[in-house]
Amino acid sequence: MKGDRVEIMIDAGGEGTRTYEVAATRAGRRVEVATRRGVIEVSEVTRTGSPVRTARFMASRVLALVEYPIADGEGPGEHAPVLAPG
């Protein structure tokens, strides 16, 4: 749903850390997280499941992955953070 978002913090080596965000930008889209063969993939997908954009990160570099789902009745600025396992 519009308002879903995922923040990913990675270890950037000598540069410290970097934070990326993938969000559902339009109504009917959602954000999905998948872990495959040492790679964490975060995708914004349409209602039919077609990926709109995808971000891939090496699992060994990911320090934190935080999902901010939008619950029923909440506006886009009223998220409750949920820490995803992994």
PDB file of N, CA and C in Angstrom:
ATOM      1  N   MET A   1       0.834  -1.175   0.000  1.00  0.00           N
ATOM      2  CA  MET A   1       0.000   0.000   0.000  1.00  0.00           C
ATOM      3  C   MET A   1       0.883   1.244   0.000  1.00  0.00           C
ATOM      4  N   LYS A   2       0.373   2.307  -0.564  1.00  0.00           N
ATOM      5  CA  LYS A   2       1.129   3.540  -0.578  1.00  0.00           C
ATOM      6  C   LYS A   2       1.467   3.917   0.859  1.00  0.00           C
ATOM      7  N   GLY A   3       2.719   4.210   1.109  1.00  0.00           N
ATOM      8  CA  GLY A   3       3.164   4.542   2.454  1.00  0.00           C
ATOM      9  C   GLY A   3       4.058   3.471   3.031  1.00  0.00           C
ATOM     10  N   ASP A   4       3.968   2.219   2.523  1.00  0.00           N
ATOM     11  CA  ASP A   4       4.904   1.178   2.955  1.00  0.00           C
ATOM     12  C   ASP A   4       6.305   1.615   2.572  1.00  0.00           C
ATOM     13  N   ARG A   5       7.260   1.369   3.446  1.00  0.00           N
ATOM     14  CA  ARG A   5       8.640   1.670   3.092  1.00  0.00           C
ATOM     15  C   ARG A   5       9.584   0.799   3.885  1.00  0.00           C
ATOM     16  N   VAL A   6      10.782   0.624   3.357  1.00  0.00           N
ATOM     17  CA  VAL A   6      11.825  -0.171   3.996  1.00  0.00           C
ATOM     18  C   VAL A   6      13.106   0.640   3.967  1.00  0.00           C
ATOM     19  N   GLU A   7      13.778   0.739   5.114  1.00  0.00           N
ATOM     20  CA  GLU A   7      15.089   1.395   5.198  1.00  0.00           C
ATOM     21  C   GLU A   7      16.144   0.317   5.371  1.00  0.00           C
ATOM     22  N   ILE A   8      17.238   0.442   4.632  1.00  0.00           N
ATOM     23  CA  ILE A   8      18.328  -0.513   4.684  1.00  0.00           C
ATOM     24  C   ILE A   8      19.603   0.238   5.018  1.00  0.00           C
ATOM     25  N   MET A   9      20.284  -0.162   6.095  1.00  0.00           N
ATOM     26  CA  MET A   9      21.565   0.449   6.460  1.00  0.00           C
ATOM     27  C   MET A   9      22.660  -0.560   6.149  1.00  0.00           C
ATOM     28  N   ILE A  10      23.638  -0.123   5.362  1.00  0.00           N
ATOM     29  CA  ILE A  10      24.721  -1.034   4.983  1.00  0.00           C
ATOM     30  C   ILE A  10      26.067  -0.484   5.435  1.00  0.00           C
ATOM     31  N   ASP A  11      27.024  -1.393   5.573  1.00  0.00           N
ATOM     32  CA  ASP A  11      28.405  -1.036   5.882  1.00  0.00           C
ATOM     33  C   ASP A  11      29.081  -0.681   4.565  1.00  0.00           C
ATOM     34  N   ALA A  12      29.542   0.567   4.443  1.00  0.00           N
ATOM     35  CA  ALA A  12      30.158   1.032   3.201  1.00  0.00           C
ATOM     36  C   ALA A  12      31.685   1.000   3.279  1.00  0.00           C
ATOM     37  N   GLY A  13      32.224   0.180   4.154  1.00  0.00           N
ATOM     38  CA  GLY A  13      33.671   0.071   4.264  1.00  0.00           C
ATOM     39  C   GLY A  13      34.281   1.276   4.952  1.00  0.00           C
ATOM     40  N   GLY A  14      35.287   1.881   4.342  1.00  0.00           N
ATOM     41  CA  GLY A  14      35.976   3.033   4.916  1.00  0.00           C
ATOM     42  C   GLY A  14      35.117   4.280   5.006  1.00  0.00           C
ATOM     43  N   GLU A  15      34.006   4.319   4.276  1.00  0.00           N
ATOM     44  CA  GLU A  15      33.128   5.483   4.282  1.00  0.00           C
ATOM     45  C   GLU A  15      32.132   5.455   5.433  1.00  0.00           C
ATOM     46  N   GLY A  16      32.109   4.405   6.238  1.00  0.00           N
ATOM     47  CA  GLY A  16      31.152   4.299   7.332  1.00  0.00           C
ATOM     48  C   GLY A  16      29.922   3.530   6.907  1.00  0.00           C
ATOM     49  N   THR A  17      28.738   4.121   7.120  1.00  0.00           N
ATOM     50  CA  THR A  17      27.494   3.452   6.755  1.00  0.00           C
ATOM     51  C   THR A  17      26.711   4.304   5.760  1.00  0.00           C
ATOM     52  N   ARG A  18      25.843   3.640   5.030  1.00  0.00           N
ATOM     53  CA  ARG A  18      24.930   4.321   4.108  1.00  0.00           C
ATOM     54  C   ARG A  18      23.527   3.790   4.351  1.00  0.00           C
ATOM     55  N   THR A  19      22.545   4.662   4.186  1.00  0.00           N
ATOM     56  CA  THR A  19      21.153   4.269   4.369  1.00  0.00           C
ATOM     57  C   THR A  19      20.392   4.473   3.065  1.00  0.00           C
ATOM     58  N   TYR A  20      19.637   3.454   2.684  1.00  0.00           N
ATOM     59  CA  TYR A  20      18.814   3.502   1.482  1.00  0.00           C
ATOM     60  C   TYR A  20      17.367   3.288   1.881  1.00  0.00           C
ATOM     61  N   GLU A  21      16.457   3.799   1.080  1.00  0.00           N
ATOM     62  CA  GLU A  21      15.035   3.631   1.355  1.00  0.00           C
ATOM     63  C   GLU A  21      14.318   3.242   0.073  1.00  0.00           C
ATOM     64  N   VAL A  22      13.435   2.233   0.187  1.00  0.00           N
ATOM     65  CA  VAL A  22      12.564   1.834  -0.912  1.00  0.00           C
ATOM     66  C   VAL A  22      11.151   2.005  -0.388  1.00  0.00           C
ATOM     67  N   ALA A  23      10.330   2.755  -1.123  1.00  0.00           N
ATOM     68  CA  ALA A  23       8.969   3.044  -0.663  1.00  0.00           C
ATOM     69  C   ALA A  23       7.951   2.754  -1.756  1.00  0.00           C
ATOM     70  N   ALA A  24       6.737   2.432  -1.325  1.00  0.00           N
ATOM     71  CA  ALA A  24       5.614   2.272  -2.248  1.00  0.00           C
ATOM     72  C   ALA A  24       5.127   3.674  -2.582  1.00  0.00           C
ATOM     73  N   THR A  25       5.351   4.127  -3.803  1.00  0.00           N
ATOM     74  CA  THR A  25       5.113   5.521  -4.168  1.00  0.00           C
ATOM     75  C   THR A  25       3.718   5.808  -4.688  1.00  0.00           C
ATOM     76  N   ARG A  26       2.963   4.781  -5.052  1.00  0.00           N
ATOM     77  CA  ARG A  26       1.616   4.988  -5.591  1.00  0.00           C
ATOM     78  C   ARG A  26       0.635   4.042  -4.928  1.00  0.00           C
ATOM     79  N   ALA A  27      -0.630   4.387  -5.009  1.00  0.00           N
ATOM     80  CA  ALA A  27      -1.677   3.543  -4.440  1.00  0.00           C
ATOM     81  C   ALA A  27      -1.660   2.170  -5.109  1.00  0.00           C
ATOM     82  N   GLY A  28      -1.840   1.126  -4.323  1.00  0.00           N
ATOM     83  CA  GLY A  28      -1.871  -0.226  -4.859  1.00  0.00           C
ATOM     84  C   GLY A  28      -0.516  -0.900  -4.924  1.00  0.00           C
ATOM     85  N   ARG A  29       0.546  -0.186  -4.680  1.00  0.00           N
ATOM     86  CA  ARG A  29       1.876  -0.796  -4.696  1.00  0.00           C
ATOM     87  C   ARG A  29       2.283  -1.169  -3.281  1.00  0.00           C
ATOM     88  N   ARG A  30       3.196  -2.122  -3.184  1.00  0.00           N
ATOM     89  CA  ARG A  30       3.705  -2.547  -1.886  1.00  0.00           C
ATOM     90  C   ARG A  30       5.197  -2.820  -1.996  1.00  0.00           C
ATOM     91  N   VAL A  31       5.833  -2.996  -0.856  1.00  0.00           N
ATOM     92  CA  VAL A  31       7.265  -3.268  -0.817  1.00  0.00           C
ATOM     93  C   VAL A  31       7.457  -4.684  -0.288  1.00  0.00           C
ATOM     94  N   GLU A  32       8.241  -5.485  -1.015  1.00  0.00           N
ATOM     95  CA  GLU A  32       8.517  -6.860  -0.616  1.00  0.00           C
ATOM     96  C   GLU A  32      10.011  -7.038  -0.376  1.00  0.00           C
ATOM     97  N   VAL A  33      10.351  -7.865   0.621  1.00  0.00           N
ATOM     98  CA  VAL A  33      11.743  -8.154   0.960  1.00  0.00           C
ATOM     99  C   VAL A  33      11.968  -9.648   0.778  1.00  0.00           C
ATOM    100  N   ALA A  34      13.059 -10.006   0.097  1.00  0.00           N
ATOM    101  CA  ALA A  34      13.393 -11.412  -0.120  1.00  0.00           C
ATOM    102  C   ALA A  34      14.891 -11.602   0.105  1.00  0.00           C
ATOM    103  N   THR A  35      15.249 -12.764   0.657  1.00  0.00           N
ATOM    104  CA  THR A  35      16.661 -13.106   0.841  1.00  0.00           C
ATOM    105  C   THR A  35      16.939 -14.342   0.009  1.00  0.00           C
ATOM    106  N   ARG A  36      17.901 -14.211  -0.917  1.00  0.00           N
ATOM    107  CA  ARG A  36      18.243 -15.312  -1.818  1.00  0.00           C
ATOM    108  C   ARG A  36      19.751 -15.394  -1.977  1.00  0.00           C
ATOM    109  N   ARG A  37      20.315 -16.535  -1.645  1.00  0.00           N
ATOM    110  CA  ARG A  37      21.727 -16.830  -1.904  1.00  0.00           C
ATOM    111  C   ARG A  37      22.664 -15.719  -1.443  1.00  0.00           C
ATOM    112  N   GLY A  38      22.468 -15.211  -0.232  1.00  0.00           N
ATOM    113  CA  GLY A  38      23.361 -14.201   0.306  1.00  0.00           C
ATOM    114  C   GLY A  38      23.092 -12.789  -0.182  1.00  0.00           C
ATOM    115  N   VAL A  39      21.959 -12.590  -0.849  1.00  0.00           N
ATOM    116  CA  VAL A  39      21.593 -11.268  -1.347  1.00  0.00           C
ATOM    117  C   VAL A  39      20.211 -10.904  -0.806  1.00  0.00           C
ATOM    118  N   ILE A  40      20.089  -9.700  -0.268  1.00  0.00           N
ATOM    119  CA  ILE A  40      18.799  -9.203   0.187  1.00  0.00           C
ATOM    120  C   ILE A  40      18.250  -8.315  -0.916  1.00  0.00           C
ATOM    121  N   GLU A  41      17.027  -8.620  -1.332  1.00  0.00           N
ATOM    122  CA  GLU A  41      16.391  -7.905  -2.439  1.00  0.00           C
ATOM    123  C   GLU A  41      15.140  -7.215  -1.915  1.00  0.00           C
ATOM    124  N   VAL A  42      15.056  -5.903  -2.108  1.00  0.00           N
ATOM    125  CA  VAL A  42      13.901  -5.121  -1.689  1.00  0.00           C
ATOM    126  C   VAL A  42      13.270  -4.554  -2.957  1.00  0.00           C
ATOM    127  N   SER A  43      11.976  -4.873  -3.181  1.00  0.00           N
ATOM    128  CA  SER A  43      11.311  -4.477  -4.422  1.00  0.00           C
ATOM    129  C   SER A  43      10.009  -3.745  -4.151  1.00  0.00           C
ATOM    130  N   GLU A  44       9.745  -2.720  -4.963  1.00  0.00           N
ATOM    131  CA  GLU A  44       8.427  -2.096  -5.000  1.00  0.00           C
ATOM    132  C   GLU A  44       7.674  -2.816  -6.107  1.00  0.00           C
ATOM    133  N   VAL A  45       6.521  -3.400  -5.775  1.00  0.00           N
ATOM    134  CA  VAL A  45       5.773  -4.177  -6.753  1.00  0.00           C
ATOM    135  C   VAL A  45       4.349  -3.641  -6.900  1.00  0.00           C
ATOM    136  N   THR A  46       3.766  -3.896  -8.072  1.00  0.00           N
ATOM    137  CA  THR A  46       2.391  -3.473  -8.362  1.00  0.00           C
ATOM    138  C   THR A  46       1.411  -4.500  -7.792  1.00  0.00           C
ATOM    139  N   ARG A  47       0.144  -4.234  -7.970  1.00  0.00           N
ATOM    140  CA  ARG A  47      -0.897  -5.162  -7.498  1.00  0.00           C
ATOM    141  C   ARG A  47      -0.754  -6.544  -8.120  1.00  0.00           C
ATOM    142  N   THR A  48      -0.305  -6.588  -9.368  1.00  0.00           N
ATOM    143  CA  THR A  48      -0.169  -7.870 -10.071  1.00  0.00           C
ATOM    144  C   THR A  48       1.143  -8.584  -9.753  1.00  0.00           C
ATOM    145  N   GLY A  49       2.028  -7.953  -8.996  1.00  0.00           N
ATOM    146  CA  GLY A  49       3.293  -8.577  -8.625  1.00  0.00           C
ATOM    147  C   GLY A  49       4.457  -8.225  -9.520  1.00  0.00           C
ATOM    148  N   SER A  50       4.263  -7.327 -10.464  1.00  0.00           N
ATOM    149  CA  SER A  50       5.357  -6.909 -11.349  1.00  0.00           C
ATOM    150  C   SER A  50       6.263  -5.927 -10.614  1.00  0.00           C
ATOM    151  N   PRO A  51       7.561  -6.191 -10.583  1.00  0.00           N
ATOM    152  CA  PRO A  51       8.460  -5.256  -9.897  1.00  0.00           C
ATOM    153  C   PRO A  51       8.595  -3.945 -10.665  1.00  0.00           C
ATOM    154  N   VAL A  52       8.526  -2.834  -9.931  1.00  0.00           N
ATOM    155  CA  VAL A  52       8.701  -1.510 -10.522  1.00  0.00           C
ATOM    156  C   VAL A  52      10.167  -1.111 -10.404  1.00  0.00           C
ATOM    157  N   ARG A  53      10.723  -1.305  -9.228  1.00  0.00           N
ATOM    158  CA  ARG A  53      12.155  -1.080  -9.020  1.00  0.00           C
ATOM    159  C   ARG A  53      12.632  -2.011  -7.924  1.00  0.00           C
ATOM    160  N   THR A  54      13.900  -2.357  -7.991  1.00  0.00           N
ATOM    161  CA  THR A  54      14.476  -3.327  -7.076  1.00  0.00           C
ATOM    162  C   THR A  54      15.844  -2.850  -6.611  1.00  0.00           C
ATOM    163  N   ALA A  55      16.120  -3.045  -5.325  1.00  0.00           N
ATOM    164  CA  ALA A  55      17.446  -2.756  -4.764  1.00  0.00           C
ATOM    165  C   ALA A  55      18.001  -4.062  -4.218  1.00  0.00           C
ATOM    166  N   ARG A  56      19.272  -4.352  -4.516  1.00  0.00           N
ATOM    167  CA  ARG A  56      19.908  -5.585  -4.052  1.00  0.00           C
ATOM    168  C   ARG A  56      21.146  -5.237  -3.236  1.00  0.00           C
ATOM    169  N   PHE A  57      21.304  -5.960  -2.114  1.00  0.00           N
ATOM    170  CA  PHE A  57      22.422  -5.723  -1.210  1.00  0.00           C
ATOM    171  C   PHE A  57      23.002  -7.061  -0.786  1.00  0.00           C
ATOM    172  N   MET A  58      24.330  -7.119  -0.646  1.00  0.00           N
ATOM    173  CA  MET A  58      24.976  -8.316  -0.114  1.00  0.00           C
ATOM    174  C   MET A  58      24.573  -8.448   1.349  1.00  0.00           C
ATOM    175  N   ALA A  59      24.085  -9.614   1.727  1.00  0.00           N
ATOM    176  CA  ALA A  59      23.594  -9.829   3.089  1.00  0.00           C
ATOM    177  C   ALA A  59      24.688  -9.592   4.130  1.00  0.00           C
ATOM    178  N   SER A  60      25.937  -9.870   3.788  1.00  0.00           N
ATOM    179  CA  SER A  60      27.030  -9.685   4.738  1.00  0.00           C
ATOM    180  C   SER A  60      27.305  -8.212   5.024  1.00  0.00           C
ATOM    181  N   ARG A  61      26.844  -7.308   4.169  1.00  0.00           N
ATOM    182  CA  ARG A  61      27.040  -5.865   4.349  1.00  0.00           C
ATOM    183  C   ARG A  61      25.873  -5.168   5.044  1.00  0.00           C
ATOM    184  N   VAL A  62      24.733  -5.843   5.141  1.00  0.00           N
ATOM    185  CA  VAL A  62      23.541  -5.216   5.728  1.00  0.00           C
ATOM    186  C   VAL A  62      23.660  -5.209   7.247  1.00  0.00           C
ATOM    187  N   LEU A  63      23.579  -4.004   7.819  1.00  0.00           N
ATOM    188  CA  LEU A  63      23.621  -3.844   9.269  1.00  0.00           C
ATOM    189  C   LEU A  63      22.220  -3.856   9.864  1.00  0.00           C
ATOM    190  N   ALA A  64      21.271  -3.231   9.180  1.00  0.00           N
ATOM    191  CA  ALA A  64      19.890  -3.168   9.669  1.00  0.00           C
ATOM    192  C   ALA A  64      18.941  -3.067   8.494  1.00  0.00           C
ATOM    193  N   LEU A  65      17.783  -3.676   8.664  1.00  0.00           N
ATOM    194  CA  LEU A  65      16.718  -3.591   7.672  1.00  0.00           C
ATOM    195  C   LEU A  65      15.439  -3.349   8.480  1.00  0.00           C
ATOM    196  N   VAL A  66      14.835  -2.180   8.293  1.00  0.00           N
ATOM    197  CA  VAL A  66      13.659  -1.805   9.078  1.00  0.00           C
ATOM    198  C   VAL A  66      12.477  -1.599   8.139  1.00  0.00           C
ATOM    199  N   GLU A  67      11.379  -2.305   8.420  1.00  0.00           N
ATOM    200  CA  GLU A  67      10.162  -2.175   7.636  1.00  0.00           C
ATOM    201  C   GLU A  67       9.198  -1.248   8.368  1.00  0.00           C
ATOM    202  N   TYR A  68       8.615  -0.322   7.621  1.00  0.00           N
ATOM    203  CA  TYR A  68       7.616   0.588   8.152  1.00  0.00           C
ATOM    204  C   TYR A  68       6.302   0.335   7.412  1.00  0.00           C
ATOM    205  N   PRO A  69       5.509  -0.636   7.876  1.00  0.00           N
ATOM    206  CA  PRO A  69       4.244  -0.919   7.185  1.00  0.00           C
ATOM    207  C   PRO A  69       3.206   0.143   7.525  1.00  0.00           C
ATOM    208  N   ILE A  70       2.288   0.379   6.637  1.00  0.00           N
ATOM    209  CA  ILE A  70       1.193   1.293   6.920  1.00  0.00           C
ATOM    210  C   ILE A  70       0.022   0.432   7.378  1.00  0.00           C
ATOM    211  N   ALA A  71      -0.509   0.729   8.553  1.00  0.00           N
ATOM    212  CA  ALA A  71      -1.619  -0.038   9.116  1.00  0.00           C
ATOM    213  C   ALA A  71      -2.944   0.611   8.733  1.00  0.00           C
ATOM    214  N   ASP A  72      -4.035  -0.097   8.906  1.00  0.00           N
ATOM    215  CA  ASP A  72      -5.361   0.445   8.603  1.00  0.00           C
ATOM    216  C   ASP A  72      -5.627   1.695   9.423  1.00  0.00           C
ATOM    217  N   GLY A  73      -6.050   2.744   8.752  1.00  0.00           N
ATOM    218  CA  GLY A  73      -6.409   3.977   9.442  1.00  0.00           C
ATOM    219  C   GLY A  73      -5.261   4.914   9.716  1.00  0.00           C
ATOM    220  N   GLU A  74      -4.046   4.518   9.403  1.00  0.00           N
ATOM    221  CA  GLU A  74      -2.900   5.391   9.628  1.00  0.00           C
ATOM    222  C   GLU A  74      -2.597   6.179   8.366  1.00  0.00           C
ATOM    223  N   GLY A  75      -2.112   7.388   8.560  1.00  0.00           N
ATOM    224  CA  GLY A  75      -1.670   8.195   7.437  1.00  0.00           C
ATOM    225  C   GLY A  75      -0.228   7.898   7.119  1.00  0.00           C
ATOM    226  N   PRO A  76       0.298   8.425   6.010  1.00  0.00           N
ATOM    227  CA  PRO A  76       1.676   8.147   5.611  1.00  0.00           C
ATOM    228  C   PRO A  76       2.723   8.574   6.631  1.00  0.00           C
ATOM    229  N   GLY A  77       2.423   9.496   7.528  1.00  0.00           N
ATOM    230  CA  GLY A  77       3.411   9.948   8.503  1.00  0.00           C
ATOM    231  C   GLY A  77       3.282   9.290   9.858  1.00  0.00           C
ATOM    232  N   GLU A  78       2.395   8.300   9.992  1.00  0.00           N
ATOM    233  CA  GLU A  78       2.125   7.695  11.291  1.00  0.00           C
ATOM    234  C   GLU A  78       2.524   6.229  11.299  1.00  0.00           C
ATOM    235  N   HIS A  79       3.799   5.930  11.101  1.00  0.00           N
ATOM    236  CA  HIS A  79       4.269   4.560  10.999  1.00  0.00           C
ATOM    237  C   HIS A  79       4.781   4.055  12.347  1.00  0.00           C
ATOM    238  N   ALA A  80       4.609   2.780  12.571  1.00  0.00           N
ATOM    239  CA  ALA A  80       5.195   2.114  13.714  1.00  0.00           C
ATOM    240  C   ALA A  80       6.287   1.191  13.179  1.00  0.00           C
ATOM    241  N   PRO A  81       7.571   1.380  13.564  1.00  0.00           N
ATOM    242  CA  PRO A  81       8.652   0.577  12.986  1.00  0.00           C
ATOM    243  C   PRO A  81       8.580  -0.884  13.435  1.00  0.00           C
ATOM    244  N   VAL A  82       8.939  -1.781  12.516  1.00  0.00           N
ATOM    245  CA  VAL A  82       8.996  -3.217  12.796  1.00  0.00           C
ATOM    246  C   VAL A  82      10.335  -3.709  12.286  1.00  0.00           C
ATOM    247  N   LEU A  83      11.122  -4.346  13.147  1.00  0.00           N
ATOM    248  CA  LEU A  83      12.433  -4.845  12.741  1.00  0.00           C
ATOM    249  C   LEU A  83      12.252  -6.222  12.119  1.00  0.00           C
ATOM    250  N   ALA A  84      12.709  -6.366  10.908  1.00  0.00           N
ATOM    251  CA  ALA A  84      12.567  -7.635  10.186  1.00  0.00           C
ATOM    252  C   ALA A  84      13.729  -8.557  10.538  1.00  0.00           C
ATOM    253  N   PRO A  85      13.464  -9.851  10.704  1.00  0.00           N
ATOM    254  CA  PRO A  85      14.558 -10.781  10.969  1.00  0.00           C
ATOM    255  C   PRO A  85      15.449 -10.926   9.751  1.00  0.00           C
ATOM    256  N   GLY A  86      16.702 -11.238  10.024  1.00  0.00           N
ATOM    257  CA  GLY A  86      17.542 -11.485   8.862  1.00  0.00           C
ATOM    258  C   GLY A  86      18.820 -10.859   9.004  1.00  0.00           C
TER     259      GLY A  86
END
